[in-house]
Amino acid sequence: MICDDIPLLLWFQCGNPFSESDGMFRYCISPKDNEENERSLLLEIWRGRLCREKSEILYSEEFPMSDEGIKSAVEVIKREKSNI
């Protein structure tokens, strides 16, 4: 099921992205450096069979680099999956 295998915070703190798909629904959570020299989590959602770079991003939002940020991103993913 979607979001069941999201890695722990350390995965993202080490600079690794995580992506998953369910049918045509696709998302990626990746670490991002922002202007304040802090890191955040960037969630991008798209539809289709193509990779993120070749697709139109339908939803994008940043979250804090924390366990709470991951939890918030998962809530958005589940909400958007039913909307897209």
PDB file of N, CA and C in Angstrom:
ATOM      1  N   MET A   1       0.839  -1.180   0.000  1.00  0.00           N
ATOM      2  CA  MET A   1       0.000   0.000   0.000  1.00  0.00           C
ATOM      3  C   MET A   1       0.886   1.246   0.000  1.00  0.00           C
ATOM      4  N   ILE A   2       0.410   2.306  -0.589  1.00  0.00           N
ATOM      5  CA  ILE A   2       1.190   3.529  -0.734  1.00  0.00           C
ATOM      6  C   ILE A   2       1.586   4.085   0.636  1.00  0.00           C
ATOM      7  N   CYS A   3       2.787   4.546   0.768  1.00  0.00           N
ATOM      8  CA  CYS A   3       3.360   5.165   1.974  1.00  0.00           C
ATOM      9  C   CYS A   3       3.729   4.175   3.069  1.00  0.00           C
ATOM     10  N   ASP A   4       3.578   2.888   2.844  1.00  0.00           N
ATOM     11  CA  ASP A   4       3.916   1.920   3.883  1.00  0.00           C
ATOM     12  C   ASP A   4       5.426   1.722   4.043  1.00  0.00           C
ATOM     13  N   ASP A   5       6.185   2.063   3.020  1.00  0.00           N
ATOM     14  CA  ASP A   5       7.626   1.795   3.039  1.00  0.00           C
ATOM     15  C   ASP A   5       8.482   3.054   3.111  1.00  0.00           C
ATOM     16  N   ILE A   6       7.917   4.177   3.547  1.00  0.00           N
ATOM     17  CA  ILE A   6       8.702   5.416   3.615  1.00  0.00           C
ATOM     18  C   ILE A   6       9.828   5.233   4.627  1.00  0.00           C
ATOM     19  N   PRO A   7      11.052   5.575   4.235  1.00  0.00           N
ATOM     20  CA  PRO A   7      12.186   5.373   5.135  1.00  0.00           C
ATOM     21  C   PRO A   7      12.178   6.336   6.327  1.00  0.00           C
ATOM     22  N   LEU A   8      13.054   6.039   7.262  1.00  0.00           N
ATOM     23  CA  LEU A   8      13.210   6.887   8.440  1.00  0.00           C
ATOM     24  C   LEU A   8      13.886   8.201   8.074  1.00  0.00           C
ATOM     25  N   LEU A   9      13.844   9.147   8.988  1.00  0.00           N
ATOM     26  CA  LEU A   9      14.401  10.480   8.778  1.00  0.00           C
ATOM     27  C   LEU A   9      15.871  10.432   8.351  1.00  0.00           C
ATOM     28  N   LEU A  10      16.650   9.531   8.923  1.00  0.00           N
ATOM     29  CA  LEU A  10      18.079   9.443   8.597  1.00  0.00           C
ATOM     30  C   LEU A  10      18.316   9.256   7.103  1.00  0.00           C
ATOM     31  N   TRP A  11      17.433   8.534   6.429  1.00  0.00           N
ATOM     32  CA  TRP A  11      17.546   8.323   4.986  1.00  0.00           C
ATOM     33  C   TRP A  11      17.600   9.665   4.249  1.00  0.00           C
ATOM     34  N   PHE A  12      16.691  10.555   4.621  1.00  0.00           N
ATOM     35  CA  PHE A  12      16.618  11.867   3.966  1.00  0.00           C
ATOM     36  C   PHE A  12      17.754  12.783   4.427  1.00  0.00           C
ATOM     37  N   GLN A  13      18.138  12.684   5.700  1.00  0.00           N
ATOM     38  CA  GLN A  13      19.242  13.500   6.213  1.00  0.00           C
ATOM     39  C   GLN A  13      20.554  13.171   5.503  1.00  0.00           C
ATOM     40  N   CYS A  14      20.669  11.962   4.997  1.00  0.00           N
ATOM     41  CA  CYS A  14      21.874  11.549   4.254  1.00  0.00           C
ATOM     42  C   CYS A  14      21.799  11.954   2.782  1.00  0.00           C
ATOM     43  N   GLY A  15      20.736  12.663   2.392  1.00  0.00           N
ATOM     44  CA  GLY A  15      20.638  13.194   1.038  1.00  0.00           C
ATOM     45  C   GLY A  15      19.928  12.304   0.038  1.00  0.00           C
ATOM     46  N   ASN A  16      19.266  11.278   0.496  1.00  0.00           N
ATOM     47  CA  ASN A  16      18.614  10.333  -0.408  1.00  0.00           C
ATOM     48  C   ASN A  16      17.150  10.701  -0.666  1.00  0.00           C
ATOM     49  N   PRO A  17      16.691  10.591  -1.904  1.00  0.00           N
ATOM     50  CA  PRO A  17      15.262  10.770  -2.206  1.00  0.00           C
ATOM     51  C   PRO A  17      14.529   9.435  -2.063  1.00  0.00           C
ATOM     52  N   PHE A  18      13.217   9.499  -2.007  1.00  0.00           N
ATOM     53  CA  PHE A  18      12.386   8.299  -1.983  1.00  0.00           C
ATOM     54  C   PHE A  18      11.195   8.534  -2.894  1.00  0.00           C
ATOM     55  N   SER A  19      10.939   7.592  -3.791  1.00  0.00           N
ATOM     56  CA  SER A  19       9.776   7.716  -4.673  1.00  0.00           C
ATOM     57  C   SER A  19       9.005   6.409  -4.677  1.00  0.00           C
ATOM     58  N   GLU A  20       7.736   6.536  -5.032  1.00  0.00           N
ATOM     59  CA  GLU A  20       6.846   5.386  -5.035  1.00  0.00           C
ATOM     60  C   GLU A  20       5.719   5.667  -6.017  1.00  0.00           C
ATOM     61  N   SER A  21       5.064   4.614  -6.475  1.00  0.00           N
ATOM     62  CA  SER A  21       3.935   4.786  -7.386  1.00  0.00           C
ATOM     63  C   SER A  21       2.851   3.774  -7.062  1.00  0.00           C
ATOM     64  N   ASP A  22       1.654   4.128  -7.482  1.00  0.00           N
ATOM     65  CA  ASP A  22       0.497   3.242  -7.369  1.00  0.00           C
ATOM     66  C   ASP A  22      -0.348   3.508  -8.610  1.00  0.00           C
ATOM     67  N   GLY A  23      -0.269   2.602  -9.590  1.00  0.00           N
ATOM     68  CA  GLY A  23      -0.933   2.861 -10.856  1.00  0.00           C
ATOM     69  C   GLY A  23      -0.271   4.051 -11.539  1.00  0.00           C
ATOM     70  N   MET A  24      -1.061   5.053 -11.882  1.00  0.00           N
ATOM     71  CA  MET A  24      -0.529   6.254 -12.539  1.00  0.00           C
ATOM     72  C   MET A  24      -0.142   7.340 -11.535  1.00  0.00           C
ATOM     73  N   PHE A  25      -0.414   7.141 -10.255  1.00  0.00           N
ATOM     74  CA  PHE A  25      -0.078   8.104  -9.203  1.00  0.00           C
ATOM     75  C   PHE A  25       1.370   7.909  -8.793  1.00  0.00           C
ATOM     76  N   ARG A  26       2.144   8.997  -8.807  1.00  0.00           N
ATOM     77  CA  ARG A  26       3.560   8.925  -8.462  1.00  0.00           C
ATOM     78  C   ARG A  26       3.946  10.099  -7.575  1.00  0.00           C
ATOM     79  N   TYR A  27       4.884   9.844  -6.667  1.00  0.00           N
ATOM     80  CA  TYR A  27       5.388  10.927  -5.820  1.00  0.00           C
ATOM     81  C   TYR A  27       6.849  10.700  -5.495  1.00  0.00           C
ATOM     82  N   CYS A  28       7.497  11.775  -5.103  1.00  0.00           N
ATOM     83  CA  CYS A  28       8.885  11.714  -4.663  1.00  0.00           C
ATOM     84  C   CYS A  28       9.053  12.671  -3.494  1.00  0.00           C
ATOM     85  N   ILE A  29       9.712  12.203  -2.442  1.00  0.00           N
ATOM     86  CA  ILE A  29      10.120  13.056  -1.329  1.00  0.00           C
ATOM     87  C   ILE A  29      11.634  13.123  -1.384  1.00  0.00           C
ATOM     88  N   SER A  30      12.170  14.336  -1.450  1.00  0.00           N
ATOM     89  CA  SER A  30      13.614  14.478  -1.542  1.00  0.00           C
ATOM     90  C   SER A  30      14.094  15.611  -0.637  1.00  0.00           C
ATOM     91  N   PRO A  31      15.314  15.495  -0.120  1.00  0.00           N
ATOM     92  CA  PRO A  31      15.869  16.572   0.699  1.00  0.00           C
ATOM     93  C   PRO A  31      16.189  17.780  -0.168  1.00  0.00           C
ATOM     94  N   LYS A  32      16.020  18.953   0.404  1.00  0.00           N
ATOM     95  CA  LYS A  32      16.280  20.188  -0.339  1.00  0.00           C
ATOM     96  C   LYS A  32      16.945  21.189   0.587  1.00  0.00           C
ATOM     97  N   ASP A  33      17.982  21.843   0.097  1.00  0.00           N
ATOM     98  CA  ASP A  33      18.619  22.926   0.843  1.00  0.00           C
ATOM     99  C   ASP A  33      17.872  24.211   0.524  1.00  0.00           C
ATOM    100  N   ASN A  34      17.551  24.991   1.545  1.00  0.00           N
ATOM    101  CA  ASN A  34      16.887  26.267   1.288  1.00  0.00           C
ATOM    102  C   ASN A  34      17.825  27.426   1.589  1.00  0.00           C
ATOM    103  N   GLU A  35      17.332  28.630   1.416  1.00  0.00           N
ATOM    104  CA  GLU A  35      18.171  29.838   1.512  1.00  0.00           C
ATOM    105  C   GLU A  35      18.776  30.041   2.893  1.00  0.00           C
ATOM    106  N   GLU A  36      18.149  29.542   3.939  1.00  0.00           N
ATOM    107  CA  GLU A  36      18.643  29.747   5.298  1.00  0.00           C
ATOM    108  C   GLU A  36      19.659  28.690   5.714  1.00  0.00           C
ATOM    109  N   ASN A  37      20.222  27.963   4.740  1.00  0.00           N
ATOM    110  CA  ASN A  37      21.169  26.878   5.010  1.00  0.00           C
ATOM    111  C   ASN A  37      20.558  25.788   5.882  1.00  0.00           C
ATOM    112  N   GLU A  38      19.266  25.626   5.796  1.00  0.00           N
ATOM    113  CA  GLU A  38      18.580  24.544   6.478  1.00  0.00           C
ATOM    114  C   GLU A  38      18.051  23.595   5.418  1.00  0.00           C
ATOM    115  N   ARG A  39      17.832  22.374   5.814  1.00  0.00           N
ATOM    116  CA  ARG A  39      17.302  21.390   4.873  1.00  0.00           C
ATOM    117  C   ARG A  39      15.820  21.193   5.136  1.00  0.00           C
ATOM    118  N   SER A  40      15.119  20.904   4.076  1.00  0.00           N
ATOM    119  CA  SER A  40      13.702  20.596   4.171  1.00  0.00           C
ATOM    120  C   SER A  40      13.416  19.384   3.295  1.00  0.00           C
ATOM    121  N   LEU A  41      12.187  18.915   3.355  1.00  0.00           N
ATOM    122  CA  LEU A  41      11.738  17.808   2.514  1.00  0.00           C
ATOM    123  C   LEU A  41      10.831  18.363   1.435  1.00  0.00           C
ATOM    124  N   LEU A  42      11.117  18.052   0.198  1.00  0.00           N
ATOM    125  CA  LEU A  42      10.304  18.498  -0.925  1.00  0.00           C
ATOM    126  C   LEU A  42       9.473  17.329  -1.424  1.00  0.00           C
ATOM    127  N   LEU A  43       8.161  17.502  -1.399  1.00  0.00           N
ATOM    128  CA  LEU A  43       7.232  16.504  -1.921  1.00  0.00           C
ATOM    129  C   LEU A  43       6.759  16.959  -3.286  1.00  0.00           C
ATOM    130  N   GLU A  44       6.872  16.089  -4.285  1.00  0.00           N
ATOM    131  CA  GLU A  44       6.367  16.359  -5.630  1.00  0.00           C
ATOM    132  C   GLU A  44       5.486  15.194  -6.056  1.00  0.00           C
ATOM    133  N   ILE A  45       4.319  15.524  -6.620  1.00  0.00           N
ATOM    134  CA  ILE A  45       3.353  14.516  -7.051  1.00  0.00           C
ATOM    135  C   ILE A  45       3.036  14.731  -8.523  1.00  0.00           C
ATOM    136  N   TRP A  46       2.955  13.641  -9.273  1.00  0.00           N
ATOM    137  CA  TRP A  46       2.588  13.711 -10.688  1.00  0.00           C
ATOM    138  C   TRP A  46       1.847  12.440 -11.082  1.00  0.00           C
ATOM    139  N   ARG A  47       1.301  12.438 -12.278  1.00  0.00           N
ATOM    140  CA  ARG A  47       0.597  11.273 -12.837  1.00  0.00           C
ATOM    141  C   ARG A  47       1.301  10.826 -14.106  1.00  0.00           C
ATOM    142  N   GLY A  48       1.159   9.566 -14.413  1.00  0.00           N
ATOM    143  CA  GLY A  48       1.667   9.060 -15.680  1.00  0.00           C
ATOM    144  C   GLY A  48       2.712   7.986 -15.506  1.00  0.00           C
ATOM    145  N   ARG A  49       3.261   7.576 -16.620  1.00  0.00           N
ATOM    146  CA  ARG A  49       4.257   6.508 -16.627  1.00  0.00           C
ATOM    147  C   ARG A  49       5.690   7.040 -16.678  1.00  0.00           C
ATOM    148  N   LEU A  50       5.837   8.331 -16.905  1.00  0.00           N
ATOM    149  CA  LEU A  50       7.171   8.900 -17.073  1.00  0.00           C
ATOM    150  C   LEU A  50       7.782   9.317 -15.743  1.00  0.00           C
ATOM    151  N   CYS A  51       9.098   9.511 -15.755  1.00  0.00           N
ATOM    152  CA  CYS A  51       9.810   9.965 -14.567  1.00  0.00           C
ATOM    153  C   CYS A  51       9.437  11.412 -14.243  1.00  0.00           C
ATOM    154  N   ARG A  52       9.807  11.832 -13.077  1.00  0.00           N
ATOM    155  CA  ARG A  52       9.493  13.183 -12.597  1.00  0.00           C
ATOM    156  C   ARG A  52      10.024  14.259 -13.541  1.00  0.00           C
ATOM    157  N   GLU A  53      11.236  14.085 -14.018  1.00  0.00           N
ATOM    158  CA  GLU A  53      11.853  15.101 -14.878  1.00  0.00           C
ATOM    159  C   GLU A  53      11.117  15.282 -16.203  1.00  0.00           C
ATOM    160  N   LYS A  54      10.381  14.284 -16.646  1.00  0.00           N
ATOM    161  CA  LYS A  54       9.679  14.362 -17.931  1.00  0.00           C
ATOM    162  C   LYS A  54       8.175  14.498 -17.752  1.00  0.00           C
ATOM    163  N   SER A  55       7.748  14.834 -16.532  1.00  0.00           N
ATOM    164  CA  SER A  55       6.317  14.935 -16.240  1.00  0.00           C
ATOM    165  C   SER A  55       5.966  16.317 -15.732  1.00  0.00           C
ATOM    166  N   GLU A  56       4.694  16.625 -15.773  1.00  0.00           N
ATOM    167  CA  GLU A  56       4.194  17.864 -15.197  1.00  0.00           C
ATOM    168  C   GLU A  56       3.912  17.602 -13.719  1.00  0.00           C
ATOM    169  N   ILE A  57       4.551  18.375 -12.854  1.00  0.00           N
ATOM    170  CA  ILE A  57       4.334  18.235 -11.414  1.00  0.00           C
ATOM    171  C   ILE A  57       2.981  18.871 -11.087  1.00  0.00           C
ATOM    172  N   LEU A  58       2.082  18.060 -10.527  1.00  0.00           N
ATOM    173  CA  LEU A  58       0.733  18.529 -10.225  1.00  0.00           C
ATOM    174  C   LEU A  58       0.630  19.118  -8.826  1.00  0.00           C
ATOM    175  N   TYR A  59       1.532  18.730  -7.937  1.00  0.00           N
ATOM    176  CA  TYR A  59       1.494  19.215  -6.562  1.00  0.00           C
ATOM    177  C   TYR A  59       2.918  19.237  -6.030  1.00  0.00           C
ATOM    178  N   SER A  60       3.285  20.306  -5.325  1.00  0.00           N
ATOM    179  CA  SER A  60       4.605  20.432  -4.736  1.00  0.00           C
ATOM    180  C   SER A  60       4.490  21.192  -3.418  1.00  0.00           C
ATOM    181  N   GLU A  61       5.154  20.695  -2.389  1.00  0.00           N
ATOM    182  CA  GLU A  61       5.133  21.370  -1.085  1.00  0.00           C
ATOM    183  C   GLU A  61       6.384  20.986  -0.308  1.00  0.00           C
ATOM    184  N   GLU A  62       6.879  21.930   0.496  1.00  0.00           N
ATOM    185  CA  GLU A  62       8.035  21.671   1.358  1.00  0.00           C
ATOM    186  C   GLU A  62       7.573  21.437   2.783  1.00  0.00           C
ATOM    187  N   PHE A  63       8.296  20.552   3.471  1.00  0.00           N
ATOM    188  CA  PHE A  63       8.016  20.214   4.862  1.00  0.00           C
ATOM    189  C   PHE A  63       9.316  20.291   5.653  1.00  0.00           C
ATOM    190  N   PRO A  64       9.223  20.465   6.962  1.00  0.00           N
ATOM    191  CA  PRO A  64      10.449  20.473   7.773  1.00  0.00           C
ATOM    192  C   PRO A  64      11.169  19.124   7.690  1.00  0.00           C
ATOM    193  N   MET A  65      12.474  19.160   7.801  1.00  0.00           N
ATOM    194  CA  MET A  65      13.280  17.936   7.830  1.00  0.00           C
ATOM    195  C   MET A  65      13.178  17.367   9.244  1.00  0.00           C
ATOM    196  N   SER A  66      12.098  16.627   9.486  1.00  0.00           N
ATOM    197  CA  SER A  66      11.832  16.059  10.806  1.00  0.00           C
ATOM    198  C   SER A  66      10.857  14.896  10.660  1.00  0.00           C
ATOM    199  N   ASP A  67      10.701  14.148  11.745  1.00  0.00           N
ATOM    200  CA  ASP A  67       9.713  13.065  11.731  1.00  0.00           C
ATOM    201  C   ASP A  67       8.311  13.616  11.504  1.00  0.00           C
ATOM    202  N   GLU A  68       8.036  14.790  12.075  1.00  0.00           N
ATOM    203  CA  GLU A  68       6.735  15.419  11.878  1.00  0.00           C
ATOM    204  C   GLU A  68       6.550  15.847  10.426  1.00  0.00           C
ATOM    205  N   GLY A  69       7.641  16.293   9.789  1.00  0.00           N
ATOM    206  CA  GLY A  69       7.584  16.663   8.382  1.00  0.00           C
ATOM    207  C   GLY A  69       7.249  15.465   7.506  1.00  0.00           C
ATOM    208  N   ILE A  70       7.838  14.324   7.811  1.00  0.00           N
ATOM    209  CA  ILE A  70       7.535  13.106   7.059  1.00  0.00           C
ATOM    210  C   ILE A  70       6.076  12.724   7.260  1.00  0.00           C
ATOM    211  N   LYS A  71       5.609  12.791   8.497  1.00  0.00           N
ATOM    212  CA  LYS A  71       4.217  12.451   8.789  1.00  0.00           C
ATOM    213  C   LYS A  71       3.259  13.368   8.029  1.00  0.00           C
ATOM    214  N   SER A  72       3.559  14.663   7.994  1.00  0.00           N
ATOM    215  CA  SER A  72       2.714  15.620   7.262  1.00  0.00           C
ATOM    216  C   SER A  72       2.720  15.328   5.767  1.00  0.00           C
ATOM    217  N   ALA A  73       3.893  14.984   5.228  1.00  0.00           N
ATOM    218  CA  ALA A  73       3.994  14.656   3.807  1.00  0.00           C
ATOM    219  C   ALA A  73       3.153  13.420   3.478  1.00  0.00           C
ATOM    220  N   VAL A  74       3.181  12.429   4.352  1.00  0.00           N
ATOM    221  CA  VAL A  74       2.383  11.209   4.137  1.00  0.00           C
ATOM    222  C   VAL A  74       0.895  11.541   4.120  1.00  0.00           C
ATOM    223  N   GLU A  75       0.460  12.410   5.031  1.00  0.00           N
ATOM    224  CA  GLU A  75      -0.949  12.818   5.053  1.00  0.00           C
ATOM    225  C   GLU A  75      -1.347  13.482   3.741  1.00  0.00           C
ATOM    226  N   VAL A  76      -0.475  14.344   3.212  1.00  0.00           N
ATOM    227  CA  VAL A  76      -0.752  15.020   1.941  1.00  0.00           C
ATOM    228  C   VAL A  76      -0.794  14.004   0.803  1.00  0.00           C
ATOM    229  N   ILE A  77       0.144  13.077   0.789  1.00  0.00           N
ATOM    230  CA  ILE A  77       0.184  12.053  -0.268  1.00  0.00           C
ATOM    231  C   ILE A  77      -1.129  11.279  -0.297  1.00  0.00           C
ATOM    232  N   LYS A  78      -1.570  10.837   0.864  1.00  0.00           N
ATOM    233  CA  LYS A  78      -2.815  10.057   0.922  1.00  0.00           C
ATOM    234  C   LYS A  78      -4.020  10.896   0.502  1.00  0.00           C
ATOM    235  N   ARG A  79      -4.034  12.165   0.895  1.00  0.00           N
ATOM    236  CA  ARG A  79      -5.132  13.058   0.497  1.00  0.00           C
ATOM    237  C   ARG A  79      -5.126  13.291  -1.013  1.00  0.00           C
ATOM    238  N   GLU A  80      -3.955  13.608  -1.554  1.00  0.00           N
ATOM    239  CA  GLU A  80      -3.849  13.914  -2.970  1.00  0.00           C
ATOM    240  C   GLU A  80      -4.085  12.682  -3.845  1.00  0.00           C
ATOM    241  N   LYS A  81      -3.743  11.509  -3.341  1.00  0.00           N
ATOM    242  CA  LYS A  81      -3.979  10.293  -4.125  1.00  0.00           C
ATOM    243  C   LYS A  81      -5.466  10.121  -4.417  1.00  0.00           C
ATOM    244  N   SER A  82      -6.305  10.498  -3.480  1.00  0.00           N
ATOM    245  CA  SER A  82      -7.746  10.388  -3.708  1.00  0.00           C
ATOM    246  C   SER A  82      -8.270  11.520  -4.585  1.00  0.00           C
ATOM    247  N   ASN A  83      -7.510  12.614  -4.715  1.00  0.00           N
ATOM    248  CA  ASN A  83      -7.951  13.766  -5.514  1.00  0.00           C
ATOM    249  C   ASN A  83      -7.428  13.742  -6.956  1.00  0.00           C
ATOM    250  N   ILE A  84      -6.312  13.095  -7.174  1.00  0.00           N
ATOM    251  CA  ILE A  84      -5.676  13.143  -8.498  1.00  0.00           C
ATOM    252  C   ILE A  84      -6.071  11.914  -9.301  1.00  0.00           C
TER     253      ILE A  84
END
